[in-house]
Structures are given as structure tokens and as C-alpha cells.
Amino acid sequence: MFPTAVRLSNAVRVTLFTRAGCGLCDTAKHTVTQLHKRRPFQYTETDIALPTNKPWKDVYDFDVPVLHVQTVKGDASLSDPKKLFHRWTEQEMETLISEAENKQS
């Protein structure tokens, strides 16, 4: 979704759990896009409606959009996610990303 940036934060992964036809999800994607233009980070989207993502659908079926911000540990595992649900601002996202980056240092 996003072009490769010069300075990508490898210490933080942002995942958006979404589904097609979700107006709140479209708004959330826009918010993620706006922040990503200013501050690059690893980003993935997970469509919970896909059969392969059934475990996520079981958890977030009535909660999308949901945003996970996680620290990537030295062994490539992920920390427990900090989460935002339904509606959030760029500032709220940026705060979680900064906190995750600071934990990595």
C-alpha cells in the first residue's frame, strides 16, 4: 500500500484489521496513510473476512477497525500489541508508535 521510505522504522509494526464495505475502516486507512506520509513504519492490513484470517474474525468481528502497534524484538518476535479501536487520530497513533520505538531503545 505504501511506497518504500528512506527511513523505515523496523522496530515497530502497525497492523490494521479491516473488512470491505466498512466505512470506519476506510476512515482508519486514511488516518494511517496520512501518518505514514510523515513518519514511515512497517504496515500491514489484515482483511478479517478472508477465510485464512478466521482467527482474527473470531476476535474482531464486531470491532473493526482495530489497529495493533507492536515492537519487533531482536529475535523477530512481536511484543504484545497496543490497540486502538474504531476511531483514532493521527496523534494517538503517533504516540503509540513513539512509545513502541522508545521501548526498543
N, C-alpha and C. Protein backbone atom coordinates (compact mmCIF):
# COMPACT_ATOMS: atom_id res chain seq x y z
N MET A 1 0.82 -1.19 0.00
CA MET A 1 0.00 0.00 0.00
C MET A 1 0.86 1.25 0.00
N PHE A 2 1.99 1.23 0.70
CA PHE A 2 2.83 2.42 0.80
C PHE A 2 4.15 2.19 0.08
N PRO A 3 4.69 3.23 -0.56
CA PRO A 3 6.00 3.10 -1.18
C PRO A 3 7.08 2.94 -0.12
N THR A 4 8.18 2.34 -0.53
CA THR A 4 9.30 2.17 0.38
C THR A 4 9.85 3.54 0.77
N ALA A 5 10.08 3.72 2.04
CA ALA A 5 10.56 5.01 2.54
C ALA A 5 12.05 4.91 2.83
N VAL A 6 12.69 6.06 2.86
CA VAL A 6 14.12 6.11 3.13
C VAL A 6 14.42 5.63 4.54
N ARG A 7 13.64 6.08 5.51
CA ARG A 7 13.88 5.71 6.89
C ARG A 7 12.65 4.98 7.43
N LEU A 8 12.67 3.66 7.34
CA LEU A 8 11.55 2.86 7.80
C LEU A 8 11.85 2.35 9.19
N SER A 9 10.90 2.56 10.09
CA SER A 9 11.09 2.08 11.45
C SER A 9 10.91 0.57 11.48
N ASN A 10 12.02 -0.17 11.55
CA ASN A 10 11.95 -1.62 11.63
C ASN A 10 11.64 -2.09 13.03
N ALA A 11 11.66 -1.18 13.97
CA ALA A 11 11.42 -1.55 15.36
C ALA A 11 9.94 -1.64 15.70
N VAL A 12 9.08 -1.15 14.81
CA VAL A 12 7.65 -1.10 15.10
C VAL A 12 6.86 -1.64 13.91
N ARG A 13 5.86 -2.46 14.21
CA ARG A 13 4.94 -2.95 13.18
C ARG A 13 3.53 -2.48 13.51
N VAL A 14 2.86 -1.93 12.50
CA VAL A 14 1.48 -1.47 12.63
C VAL A 14 0.62 -2.37 11.75
N THR A 15 -0.43 -2.93 12.34
CA THR A 15 -1.35 -3.79 11.60
C THR A 15 -2.77 -3.25 11.75
N LEU A 16 -3.44 -3.09 10.62
CA LEU A 16 -4.83 -2.65 10.62
C LEU A 16 -5.72 -3.85 10.28
N PHE A 17 -6.63 -4.18 11.17
CA PHE A 17 -7.61 -5.23 10.95
C PHE A 17 -8.86 -4.56 10.40
N THR A 18 -9.30 -5.02 9.23
CA THR A 18 -10.33 -4.33 8.48
C THR A 18 -11.21 -5.32 7.74
N ARG A 19 -12.21 -4.81 7.04
CA ARG A 19 -13.01 -5.62 6.12
C ARG A 19 -13.60 -4.68 5.06
N ALA A 20 -13.93 -5.25 3.91
CA ALA A 20 -14.52 -4.47 2.82
C ALA A 20 -15.90 -3.96 3.23
N GLY A 21 -16.25 -2.79 2.72
CA GLY A 21 -17.56 -2.23 2.98
C GLY A 21 -17.73 -1.61 4.35
N CYS A 22 -16.64 -1.37 5.04
CA CYS A 22 -16.66 -0.81 6.39
C CYS A 22 -16.24 0.66 6.32
N GLY A 23 -17.18 1.57 6.54
CA GLY A 23 -16.89 3.00 6.48
C GLY A 23 -15.85 3.44 7.49
N LEU A 24 -15.95 2.92 8.72
CA LEU A 24 -14.94 3.26 9.74
C LEU A 24 -13.56 2.78 9.32
N CYS A 25 -13.52 1.62 8.63
CA CYS A 25 -12.23 1.09 8.16
C CYS A 25 -11.62 2.01 7.12
N ASP A 26 -12.45 2.54 6.22
CA ASP A 26 -11.95 3.48 5.21
C ASP A 26 -11.37 4.72 5.87
N THR A 27 -12.04 5.23 6.89
CA THR A 27 -11.53 6.39 7.63
C THR A 27 -10.21 6.05 8.32
N ALA A 28 -10.14 4.86 8.92
CA ALA A 28 -8.92 4.42 9.60
C ALA A 28 -7.76 4.31 8.61
N LYS A 29 -8.02 3.76 7.43
CA LYS A 29 -6.97 3.63 6.41
C LYS A 29 -6.45 5.01 6.01
N HIS A 30 -7.35 5.96 5.89
CA HIS A 30 -6.94 7.33 5.55
C HIS A 30 -6.03 7.90 6.64
N THR A 31 -6.40 7.69 7.90
CA THR A 31 -5.59 8.18 9.02
C THR A 31 -4.20 7.55 9.00
N VAL A 32 -4.15 6.24 8.76
CA VAL A 32 -2.86 5.54 8.69
C VAL A 32 -2.03 6.09 7.54
N THR A 33 -2.66 6.31 6.40
CA THR A 33 -1.96 6.84 5.22
C THR A 33 -1.37 8.21 5.50
N GLN A 34 -2.16 9.07 6.13
CA GLN A 34 -1.68 10.42 6.42
C GLN A 34 -0.46 10.39 7.34
N LEU A 35 -0.51 9.57 8.38
CA LEU A 35 0.65 9.48 9.28
C LEU A 35 1.85 8.87 8.57
N HIS A 36 1.60 7.85 7.75
CA HIS A 36 2.70 7.19 7.05
C HIS A 36 3.43 8.13 6.10
N LYS A 37 2.74 9.12 5.57
CA LYS A 37 3.39 10.12 4.70
C LYS A 37 4.43 10.92 5.48
N ARG A 38 4.16 11.17 6.74
CA ARG A 38 5.06 11.97 7.58
C ARG A 38 6.08 11.11 8.32
N ARG A 39 5.69 9.88 8.63
CA ARG A 39 6.50 9.05 9.50
C ARG A 39 6.41 7.59 9.07
N PRO A 40 7.38 7.11 8.32
CA PRO A 40 7.34 5.74 7.82
C PRO A 40 7.40 4.70 8.94
N PHE A 41 6.72 3.58 8.73
CA PHE A 41 6.72 2.45 9.65
C PHE A 41 6.30 1.21 8.88
N GLN A 42 6.60 0.04 9.43
CA GLN A 42 6.13 -1.21 8.83
C GLN A 42 4.63 -1.25 8.95
N TYR A 43 3.94 -1.60 7.86
CA TYR A 43 2.48 -1.58 7.87
C TYR A 43 1.92 -2.77 7.12
N THR A 44 0.92 -3.40 7.73
CA THR A 44 0.18 -4.45 7.05
C THR A 44 -1.30 -4.27 7.34
N GLU A 45 -2.10 -4.73 6.39
CA GLU A 45 -3.55 -4.76 6.57
C GLU A 45 -3.98 -6.22 6.59
N THR A 46 -4.92 -6.53 7.46
CA THR A 46 -5.46 -7.87 7.54
C THR A 46 -6.97 -7.78 7.37
N ASP A 47 -7.46 -8.34 6.26
CA ASP A 47 -8.89 -8.38 5.99
C ASP A 47 -9.46 -9.58 6.74
N ILE A 48 -10.23 -9.31 7.79
CA ILE A 48 -10.72 -10.40 8.63
C ILE A 48 -11.80 -11.24 7.94
N ALA A 49 -12.31 -10.78 6.79
CA ALA A 49 -13.33 -11.54 6.07
C ALA A 49 -12.74 -12.68 5.25
N LEU A 50 -11.44 -12.67 5.03
CA LEU A 50 -10.82 -13.75 4.26
C LEU A 50 -10.81 -15.04 5.08
N PRO A 51 -11.07 -16.17 4.46
CA PRO A 51 -11.10 -17.44 5.20
C PRO A 51 -9.81 -17.73 5.97
N THR A 52 -8.68 -17.32 5.42
CA THR A 52 -7.40 -17.58 6.10
C THR A 52 -7.24 -16.75 7.37
N ASN A 53 -8.06 -15.72 7.54
CA ASN A 53 -7.96 -14.85 8.71
C ASN A 53 -9.09 -15.09 9.72
N LYS A 54 -9.69 -16.29 9.66
CA LYS A 54 -10.80 -16.61 10.56
C LYS A 54 -10.46 -16.40 12.04
N PRO A 55 -9.26 -16.74 12.49
CA PRO A 55 -8.96 -16.48 13.92
C PRO A 55 -9.11 -15.01 14.29
N TRP A 56 -8.73 -14.11 13.38
CA TRP A 56 -8.88 -12.69 13.65
C TRP A 56 -10.34 -12.27 13.57
N LYS A 57 -11.10 -12.88 12.66
CA LYS A 57 -12.53 -12.58 12.57
C LYS A 57 -13.23 -12.99 13.87
N ASP A 58 -12.84 -14.12 14.41
CA ASP A 58 -13.43 -14.59 15.66
C ASP A 58 -13.20 -13.59 16.80
N VAL A 59 -12.07 -12.91 16.77
CA VAL A 59 -11.73 -11.95 17.83
C VAL A 59 -12.33 -10.57 17.56
N TYR A 60 -12.24 -10.10 16.30
CA TYR A 60 -12.56 -8.70 16.00
C TYR A 60 -13.79 -8.50 15.10
N ASP A 61 -14.63 -9.51 14.94
CA ASP A 61 -15.74 -9.43 14.01
C ASP A 61 -16.59 -8.18 14.18
N PHE A 62 -16.88 -7.79 15.40
CA PHE A 62 -17.74 -6.63 15.65
C PHE A 62 -16.96 -5.40 16.09
N ASP A 63 -15.64 -5.44 15.98
CA ASP A 63 -14.81 -4.34 16.48
C ASP A 63 -14.00 -3.60 15.42
N VAL A 64 -13.98 -4.08 14.17
CA VAL A 64 -13.15 -3.41 13.17
C VAL A 64 -13.64 -1.99 12.94
N PRO A 65 -12.71 -1.10 12.64
CA PRO A 65 -11.28 -1.32 12.50
C PRO A 65 -10.57 -1.40 13.85
N VAL A 66 -9.52 -2.20 13.87
CA VAL A 66 -8.66 -2.32 15.05
C VAL A 66 -7.23 -2.14 14.57
N LEU A 67 -6.46 -1.37 15.32
CA LEU A 67 -5.06 -1.13 14.99
C LEU A 67 -4.18 -1.72 16.07
N HIS A 68 -3.19 -2.53 15.66
CA HIS A 68 -2.17 -3.05 16.57
C HIS A 68 -0.87 -2.31 16.31
N VAL A 69 -0.21 -1.87 17.36
CA VAL A 69 1.14 -1.31 17.28
C VAL A 69 2.00 -2.19 18.15
N GLN A 70 3.02 -2.81 17.53
CA GLN A 70 3.87 -3.76 18.23
C GLN A 70 5.34 -3.47 18.00
N THR A 71 6.14 -3.77 19.01
CA THR A 71 7.58 -3.68 18.90
C THR A 71 8.10 -4.98 18.30
N VAL A 72 9.02 -4.87 17.33
CA VAL A 72 9.67 -6.04 16.75
C VAL A 72 10.91 -6.31 17.60
N LYS A 73 10.93 -7.47 18.25
CA LYS A 73 12.05 -7.81 19.12
C LYS A 73 13.24 -8.31 18.31
N GLY A 74 14.38 -8.43 18.95
CA GLY A 74 15.61 -8.85 18.30
C GLY A 74 15.50 -10.19 17.60
N ASP A 75 14.68 -11.09 18.13
CA ASP A 75 14.53 -12.41 17.51
C ASP A 75 13.38 -12.42 16.50
N ALA A 76 12.92 -11.25 16.09
CA ALA A 76 11.86 -11.05 15.10
C ALA A 76 10.47 -11.39 15.64
N SER A 77 10.36 -11.71 16.92
CA SER A 77 9.04 -11.90 17.50
C SER A 77 8.43 -10.53 17.79
N LEU A 78 7.15 -10.52 18.11
CA LEU A 78 6.44 -9.25 18.34
C LEU A 78 6.01 -9.14 19.79
N SER A 79 6.02 -7.92 20.28
CA SER A 79 5.54 -7.66 21.63
C SER A 79 4.02 -7.77 21.65
N ASP A 80 3.45 -7.78 22.84
CA ASP A 80 2.00 -7.71 22.96
C ASP A 80 1.55 -6.39 22.32
N PRO A 81 0.46 -6.42 21.59
CA PRO A 81 0.06 -5.20 20.88
C PRO A 81 -0.59 -4.16 21.78
N LYS A 82 -0.30 -2.92 21.49
CA LYS A 82 -1.07 -1.79 21.99
C LYS A 82 -2.15 -1.60 20.94
N LYS A 83 -3.40 -1.38 21.36
CA LYS A 83 -4.51 -1.39 20.42
C LYS A 83 -5.31 -0.09 20.44
N LEU A 84 -5.81 0.23 19.26
CA LEU A 84 -6.78 1.30 19.10
C LEU A 84 -8.00 0.70 18.40
N PHE A 85 -9.19 1.07 18.86
CA PHE A 85 -10.43 0.52 18.31
C PHE A 85 -11.29 1.61 17.69
N HIS A 86 -11.94 1.28 16.58
CA HIS A 86 -13.00 2.04 15.93
C HIS A 86 -12.55 3.39 15.36
N ARG A 87 -12.25 4.34 16.20
CA ARG A 87 -11.86 5.69 15.75
C ARG A 87 -10.62 6.13 16.50
N TRP A 88 -9.68 6.70 15.77
CA TRP A 88 -8.49 7.25 16.42
C TRP A 88 -7.92 8.34 15.53
N THR A 89 -7.06 9.15 16.12
CA THR A 89 -6.43 10.26 15.42
C THR A 89 -5.00 9.89 15.04
N GLU A 90 -4.44 10.68 14.14
CA GLU A 90 -3.02 10.51 13.80
C GLU A 90 -2.16 10.65 15.06
N GLN A 91 -2.51 11.61 15.91
CA GLN A 91 -1.73 11.85 17.13
C GLN A 91 -1.76 10.63 18.05
N GLU A 92 -2.90 10.00 18.20
CA GLU A 92 -2.98 8.79 19.03
C GLU A 92 -2.12 7.68 18.47
N MET A 93 -2.14 7.51 17.15
CA MET A 93 -1.28 6.52 16.50
C MET A 93 0.19 6.84 16.71
N GLU A 94 0.53 8.10 16.48
CA GLU A 94 1.93 8.51 16.59
C GLU A 94 2.45 8.31 18.00
N THR A 95 1.61 8.58 18.99
CA THR A 95 2.01 8.37 20.38
C THR A 95 2.32 6.90 20.64
N LEU A 96 1.47 5.99 20.17
CA LEU A 96 1.72 4.56 20.37
C LEU A 96 3.00 4.11 19.65
N ILE A 97 3.21 4.62 18.44
CA ILE A 97 4.42 4.27 17.69
C ILE A 97 5.67 4.77 18.42
N SER A 98 5.62 6.00 18.91
CA SER A 98 6.76 6.56 19.66
C SER A 98 7.04 5.73 20.91
N GLU A 99 6.00 5.36 21.62
CA GLU A 99 6.18 4.54 22.83
C GLU A 99 6.82 3.20 22.48
N ALA A 100 6.38 2.59 21.39
CA ALA A 100 6.95 1.31 20.96
C ALA A 100 8.41 1.48 20.57
N GLU A 101 8.74 2.54 19.85
CA GLU A 101 10.12 2.79 19.45
C GLU A 101 11.00 3.02 20.68
N ASN A 102 10.49 3.76 21.64
CA ASN A 102 11.27 4.04 22.86
C ASN A 102 11.52 2.79 23.68
N LYS A 103 10.58 1.85 23.67
CA LYS A 103 10.79 0.58 24.37
C LYS A 103 11.89 -0.24 23.72
N GLN A 104 12.04 -0.08 22.40
CA GLN A 104 13.05 -0.81 21.64
C GLN A 104 14.45 -0.32 21.98
N SER A 105 14.59 0.97 22.29
CA SER A 105 15.91 1.57 22.52
C SER A 105 16.54 1.09 23.80
